[in-house]
Amino acid sequence: MRKIAAADGAIGQVLGCHYLLSFSARFFGGADLAARVERESAAGQWCWGGGLSPASHG
């Protein structure tokens, strides 16, 4: 993660958001939901790249 972000900060941010959001089912859902989301995500090769920016105002 750090090596990627050091080479390209934008790609590092997308990867960080992917990791955070892809684990959200584990944090907020039950074991069954987490297993299903992770299975479908892997099978569909989903990119969980939603934007999170503490600096944005709106």
PDB file of N, CA and C in Angstrom:
ATOM      1  N   MET A   1       0.824  -1.179   0.000  1.00  0.00           N
ATOM      2  CA  MET A   1       0.000   0.000   0.000  1.00  0.00           C
ATOM      3  C   MET A   1       0.872   1.247   0.000  1.00  0.00           C
ATOM      4  N   ARG A   2       1.832   1.301   0.910  1.00  0.00           N
ATOM      5  CA  ARG A   2       2.683   2.490   0.983  1.00  0.00           C
ATOM      6  C   ARG A   2       3.536   2.665  -0.271  1.00  0.00           C
ATOM      7  N   LYS A   3       4.032   1.558  -0.814  1.00  0.00           N
ATOM      8  CA  LYS A   3       4.847   1.647  -2.032  1.00  0.00           C
ATOM      9  C   LYS A   3       4.013   2.157  -3.204  1.00  0.00           C
ATOM     10  N   ILE A   4       2.788   1.669  -3.299  1.00  0.00           N
ATOM     11  CA  ILE A   4       1.908   2.108  -4.385  1.00  0.00           C
ATOM     12  C   ILE A   4       1.580   3.585  -4.216  1.00  0.00           C
ATOM     13  N   ALA A   5       1.225   3.987  -3.002  1.00  0.00           N
ATOM     14  CA  ALA A   5       0.880   5.389  -2.753  1.00  0.00           C
ATOM     15  C   ALA A   5       2.080   6.309  -2.966  1.00  0.00           C
ATOM     16  N   ALA A   6       3.273   5.829  -2.649  1.00  0.00           N
ATOM     17  CA  ALA A   6       4.467   6.641  -2.868  1.00  0.00           C
ATOM     18  C   ALA A   6       4.718   6.857  -4.356  1.00  0.00           C
ATOM     19  N   ALA A   7       4.400   5.843  -5.165  1.00  0.00           N
ATOM     20  CA  ALA A   7       4.602   5.950  -6.606  1.00  0.00           C
ATOM     21  C   ALA A   7       3.512   6.788  -7.261  1.00  0.00           C
ATOM     22  N   ASP A   8       2.264   6.640  -6.781  1.00  0.00           N
ATOM     23  CA  ASP A   8       1.137   7.375  -7.358  1.00  0.00           C
ATOM     24  C   ASP A   8       0.078   7.556  -6.274  1.00  0.00           C
ATOM     25  N   GLY A   9      -0.009   8.751  -5.755  1.00  0.00           N
ATOM     26  CA  GLY A   9      -0.914   9.038  -4.655  1.00  0.00           C
ATOM     27  C   GLY A   9      -2.376   8.795  -4.979  1.00  0.00           C
ATOM     28  N   ALA A  10      -2.778   9.078  -6.209  1.00  0.00           N
ATOM     29  CA  ALA A  10      -4.179   8.889  -6.599  1.00  0.00           C
ATOM     30  C   ALA A  10      -4.547   7.402  -6.591  1.00  0.00           C
ATOM     31  N   ILE A  11      -3.669   6.572  -7.131  1.00  0.00           N
ATOM     32  CA  ILE A  11      -3.917   5.130  -7.127  1.00  0.00           C
ATOM     33  C   ILE A  11      -3.888   4.606  -5.692  1.00  0.00           C
ATOM     34  N   GLY A  12      -3.006   5.133  -4.876  1.00  0.00           N
ATOM     35  CA  GLY A  12      -2.965   4.756  -3.468  1.00  0.00           C
ATOM     36  C   GLY A  12      -4.259   5.090  -2.759  1.00  0.00           C
ATOM     37  N   GLN A  13      -4.840   6.233  -3.071  1.00  0.00           N
ATOM     38  CA  GLN A  13      -6.108   6.623  -2.451  1.00  0.00           C
ATOM     39  C   GLN A  13      -7.236   5.702  -2.901  1.00  0.00           C
ATOM     40  N   VAL A  14      -7.294   5.386  -4.184  1.00  0.00           N
ATOM     41  CA  VAL A  14      -8.328   4.472  -4.683  1.00  0.00           C
ATOM     42  C   VAL A  14      -8.186   3.106  -4.020  1.00  0.00           C
ATOM     43  N   LEU A  15      -6.952   2.612  -3.904  1.00  0.00           N
ATOM     44  CA  LEU A  15      -6.720   1.319  -3.272  1.00  0.00           C
ATOM     45  C   LEU A  15      -7.111   1.354  -1.792  1.00  0.00           C
ATOM     46  N   GLY A  16      -6.782   2.442  -1.111  1.00  0.00           N
ATOM     47  CA  GLY A  16      -7.161   2.579   0.290  1.00  0.00           C
ATOM     48  C   GLY A  16      -8.670   2.579   0.466  1.00  0.00           C
ATOM     49  N   CYS A  17      -9.379   3.312  -0.401  1.00  0.00           N
ATOM     50  CA  CYS A  17     -10.847   3.322  -0.356  1.00  0.00           C
ATOM     51  C   CYS A  17     -11.397   1.934  -0.656  1.00  0.00           C
ATOM     52  N   HIS A  18     -10.788   1.237  -1.608  1.00  0.00           N
ATOM     53  CA  HIS A  18     -11.214  -0.124  -1.941  1.00  0.00           C
ATOM     54  C   HIS A  18     -11.118  -1.024  -0.713  1.00  0.00           C
ATOM     55  N   TYR A  19      -9.974  -0.986  -0.038  1.00  0.00           N
ATOM     56  CA  TYR A  19      -9.799  -1.829   1.149  1.00  0.00           C
ATOM     57  C   TYR A  19     -10.810  -1.468   2.231  1.00  0.00           C
ATOM     58  N   LEU A  20     -10.978  -0.201   2.490  1.00  0.00           N
ATOM     59  CA  LEU A  20     -11.904   0.235   3.530  1.00  0.00           C
ATOM     60  C   LEU A  20     -13.339  -0.175   3.207  1.00  0.00           C
ATOM     61  N   LEU A  21     -13.789   0.134   2.004  1.00  0.00           N
ATOM     62  CA  LEU A  21     -15.180  -0.135   1.643  1.00  0.00           C
ATOM     63  C   LEU A  21     -15.461  -1.618   1.451  1.00  0.00           C
ATOM     64  N   SER A  22     -14.488  -2.364   0.942  1.00  0.00           N
ATOM     65  CA  SER A  22     -14.726  -3.791   0.729  1.00  0.00           C
ATOM     66  C   SER A  22     -14.835  -4.557   2.045  1.00  0.00           C
ATOM     67  N   PHE A  23     -14.290  -4.006   3.108  1.00  0.00           N
ATOM     68  CA  PHE A  23     -14.400  -4.645   4.415  1.00  0.00           C
ATOM     69  C   PHE A  23     -15.611  -4.158   5.202  1.00  0.00           C
ATOM     70  N   SER A  24     -16.403  -3.242   4.640  1.00  0.00           N
ATOM     71  CA  SER A  24     -17.518  -2.663   5.388  1.00  0.00           C
ATOM     72  C   SER A  24     -18.566  -3.707   5.773  1.00  0.00           C
ATOM     73  N   ALA A  25     -18.770  -4.727   4.945  1.00  0.00           N
ATOM     74  CA  ALA A  25     -19.738  -5.769   5.293  1.00  0.00           C
ATOM     75  C   ALA A  25     -19.293  -6.526   6.540  1.00  0.00           C
ATOM     76  N   ARG A  26     -17.990  -6.677   6.733  1.00  0.00           N
ATOM     77  CA  ARG A  26     -17.481  -7.333   7.946  1.00  0.00           C
ATOM     78  C   ARG A  26     -17.753  -6.487   9.184  1.00  0.00           C
ATOM     79  N   PHE A  27     -17.635  -5.182   9.033  1.00  0.00           N
ATOM     80  CA  PHE A  27     -17.808  -4.292  10.174  1.00  0.00           C
ATOM     81  C   PHE A  27     -19.272  -4.074  10.526  1.00  0.00           C
ATOM     82  N   PHE A  28     -20.128  -3.935   9.518  1.00  0.00           N
ATOM     83  CA  PHE A  28     -21.504  -3.520   9.753  1.00  0.00           C
ATOM     84  C   PHE A  28     -22.540  -4.609   9.527  1.00  0.00           C
ATOM     85  N   GLY A  29     -22.157  -5.711   8.928  1.00  0.00           N
ATOM     86  CA  GLY A  29     -23.103  -6.792   8.666  1.00  0.00           C
ATOM     87  C   GLY A  29     -22.729  -8.038   9.439  1.00  0.00           C
ATOM     88  N   GLY A  30     -23.541  -9.035   9.293  1.00  0.00           N
ATOM     89  CA  GLY A  30     -23.263 -10.299   9.942  1.00  0.00           C
ATOM     90  C   GLY A  30     -22.318 -11.149   9.113  1.00  0.00           C
ATOM     91  N   ALA A  31     -21.973 -12.285   9.653  1.00  0.00           N
ATOM     92  CA  ALA A  31     -21.032 -13.192   8.983  1.00  0.00           C
ATOM     93  C   ALA A  31     -21.568 -13.667   7.633  1.00  0.00           C
ATOM     94  N   ASP A  32     -22.877 -13.945   7.565  1.00  0.00           N
ATOM     95  CA  ASP A  32     -23.462 -14.410   6.302  1.00  0.00           C
ATOM     96  C   ASP A  32     -23.382 -13.344   5.219  1.00  0.00           C
ATOM     97  N   LEU A  33     -23.709 -12.108   5.585  1.00  0.00           N
ATOM     98  CA  LEU A  33     -23.645 -11.007   4.620  1.00  0.00           C
ATOM     99  C   LEU A  33     -22.203 -10.780   4.166  1.00  0.00           C
ATOM    100  N   ALA A  34     -21.274 -10.774   5.101  1.00  0.00           N
ATOM    101  CA  ALA A  34     -19.863 -10.559   4.760  1.00  0.00           C
ATOM    102  C   ALA A  34     -19.369 -11.629   3.796  1.00  0.00           C
ATOM    103  N   ALA A  35     -19.695 -12.878   4.066  1.00  0.00           N
ATOM    104  CA  ALA A  35     -19.261 -13.972   3.190  1.00  0.00           C
ATOM    105  C   ALA A  35     -19.844 -13.825   1.789  1.00  0.00           C
ATOM    106  N   ARG A  36     -21.124 -13.471   1.724  1.00  0.00           N
ATOM    107  CA  ARG A  36     -21.768 -13.318   0.410  1.00  0.00           C
ATOM    108  C   ARG A  36     -21.182 -12.160  -0.369  1.00  0.00           C
ATOM    109  N   VAL A  37     -21.005 -11.011   0.289  1.00  0.00           N
ATOM    110  CA  VAL A  37     -20.454  -9.830  -0.381  1.00  0.00           C
ATOM    111  C   VAL A  37     -19.029 -10.100  -0.854  1.00  0.00           C
ATOM    112  N   GLU A  38     -18.219 -10.729  -0.018  1.00  0.00           N
ATOM    113  CA  GLU A  38     -16.836 -11.025  -0.409  1.00  0.00           C
ATOM    114  C   GLU A  38     -16.787 -12.019  -1.565  1.00  0.00           C
ATOM    115  N   ARG A  39     -17.660 -13.014  -1.542  1.00  0.00           N
ATOM    116  CA  ARG A  39     -17.702 -14.002  -2.623  1.00  0.00           C
ATOM    117  C   ARG A  39     -18.114 -13.344  -3.943  1.00  0.00           C
ATOM    118  N   GLU A  40     -19.184 -12.535  -3.910  1.00  0.00           N
ATOM    119  CA  GLU A  40     -19.653 -11.863  -5.119  1.00  0.00           C
ATOM    120  C   GLU A  40     -18.652 -10.826  -5.613  1.00  0.00           C
ATOM    121  N   SER A  41     -18.002 -10.155  -4.683  1.00  0.00           N
ATOM    122  CA  SER A  41     -17.004  -9.156  -5.044  1.00  0.00           C
ATOM    123  C   SER A  41     -15.820  -9.796  -5.770  1.00  0.00           C
ATOM    124  N   ALA A  42     -15.358 -10.919  -5.248  1.00  0.00           N
ATOM    125  CA  ALA A  42     -14.240 -11.620  -5.889  1.00  0.00           C
ATOM    126  C   ALA A  42     -14.649 -12.176  -7.251  1.00  0.00           C
ATOM    127  N   ALA A  43     -15.838 -12.780  -7.307  1.00  0.00           N
ATOM    128  CA  ALA A  43     -16.304 -13.371  -8.565  1.00  0.00           C
ATOM    129  C   ALA A  43     -16.511 -12.306  -9.641  1.00  0.00           C
ATOM    130  N   GLY A  44     -17.004 -11.147  -9.225  1.00  0.00           N
ATOM    131  CA  GLY A  44     -17.272 -10.073 -10.184  1.00  0.00           C
ATOM    132  C   GLY A  44     -16.115  -9.123 -10.389  1.00  0.00           C
ATOM    133  N   GLN A  45     -15.023  -9.354  -9.650  1.00  0.00           N
ATOM    134  CA  GLN A  45     -13.839  -8.489  -9.716  1.00  0.00           C
ATOM    135  C   GLN A  45     -14.221  -7.025  -9.508  1.00  0.00           C
ATOM    136  N   TRP A  46     -15.035  -6.801  -8.461  1.00  0.00           N
ATOM    137  CA  TRP A  46     -15.496  -5.450  -8.153  1.00  0.00           C
ATOM    138  C   TRP A  46     -14.364  -4.588  -7.627  1.00  0.00           C
ATOM    139  N   CYS A  47     -14.394  -3.332  -7.958  1.00  0.00           N
ATOM    140  CA  CYS A  47     -13.490  -2.340  -7.381  1.00  0.00           C
ATOM    141  C   CYS A  47     -14.327  -1.431  -6.489  1.00  0.00           C
ATOM    142  N   TRP A  48     -14.059  -1.494  -5.215  1.00  0.00           N
ATOM    143  CA  TRP A  48     -14.775  -0.688  -4.231  1.00  0.00           C
ATOM    144  C   TRP A  48     -14.052   0.648  -4.120  1.00  0.00           C
ATOM    145  N   GLY A  49     -14.120   1.461  -5.126  1.00  0.00           N
ATOM    146  CA  GLY A  49     -13.355   2.694  -5.165  1.00  0.00           C
ATOM    147  C   GLY A  49     -14.156   3.945  -4.886  1.00  0.00           C
ATOM    148  N   GLY A  50     -15.156   3.866  -4.054  1.00  0.00           N
ATOM    149  CA  GLY A  50     -15.945   5.045  -3.723  1.00  0.00           C
ATOM    150  C   GLY A  50     -15.077   6.113  -3.105  1.00  0.00           C
ATOM    151  N   GLY A  51     -15.424   7.346  -3.319  1.00  0.00           N
ATOM    152  CA  GLY A  51     -14.589   8.440  -2.842  1.00  0.00           C
ATOM    153  C   GLY A  51     -14.843   8.831  -1.399  1.00  0.00           C
ATOM    154  N   LEU A  52     -13.793   9.002  -0.668  1.00  0.00           N
ATOM    155  CA  LEU A  52     -13.833   9.528   0.684  1.00  0.00           C
ATOM    156  C   LEU A  52     -12.800  10.640   0.739  1.00  0.00           C
ATOM    157  N   SER A  53     -13.255  11.818   1.012  1.00  0.00           N
ATOM    158  CA  SER A  53     -12.318  12.925   1.044  1.00  0.00           C
ATOM    159  C   SER A  53     -12.657  13.846   2.189  1.00  0.00           C
ATOM    160  N   PRO A  54     -11.881  13.814   3.257  1.00  0.00           N
ATOM    161  CA  PRO A  54     -12.160  14.711   4.376  1.00  0.00           C
ATOM    162  C   PRO A  54     -11.958  16.175   4.040  1.00  0.00           C
ATOM    163  N   ALA A  55     -11.260  16.445   2.959  1.00  0.00           N
ATOM    164  CA  ALA A  55     -10.992  17.822   2.574  1.00  0.00           C
ATOM    165  C   ALA A  55     -12.127  18.444   1.745  1.00  0.00           C
ATOM    166  N   SER A  56     -13.029  17.595   1.223  1.00  0.00           N
ATOM    167  CA  SER A  56     -14.097  18.147   0.372  1.00  0.00           C
ATOM    168  C   SER A  56     -15.184  18.782   1.223  1.00  0.00           C
ATOM    169  N   HIS A  57     -15.713  19.851   0.721  1.00  0.00           N
ATOM    170  CA  HIS A  57     -16.758  20.598   1.420  1.00  0.00           C
ATOM    171  C   HIS A  57     -18.023  20.560   0.563  1.00  0.00           C
ATOM    172  N   GLY A  58     -19.141  20.470   1.202  1.00  0.00           N
ATOM    173  CA  GLY A  58     -20.334  20.486   0.383  1.00  0.00           C
ATOM    174  C   GLY A  58     -21.508  20.160   1.089  1.00  0.00           C
TER     175      GLY A  58
END
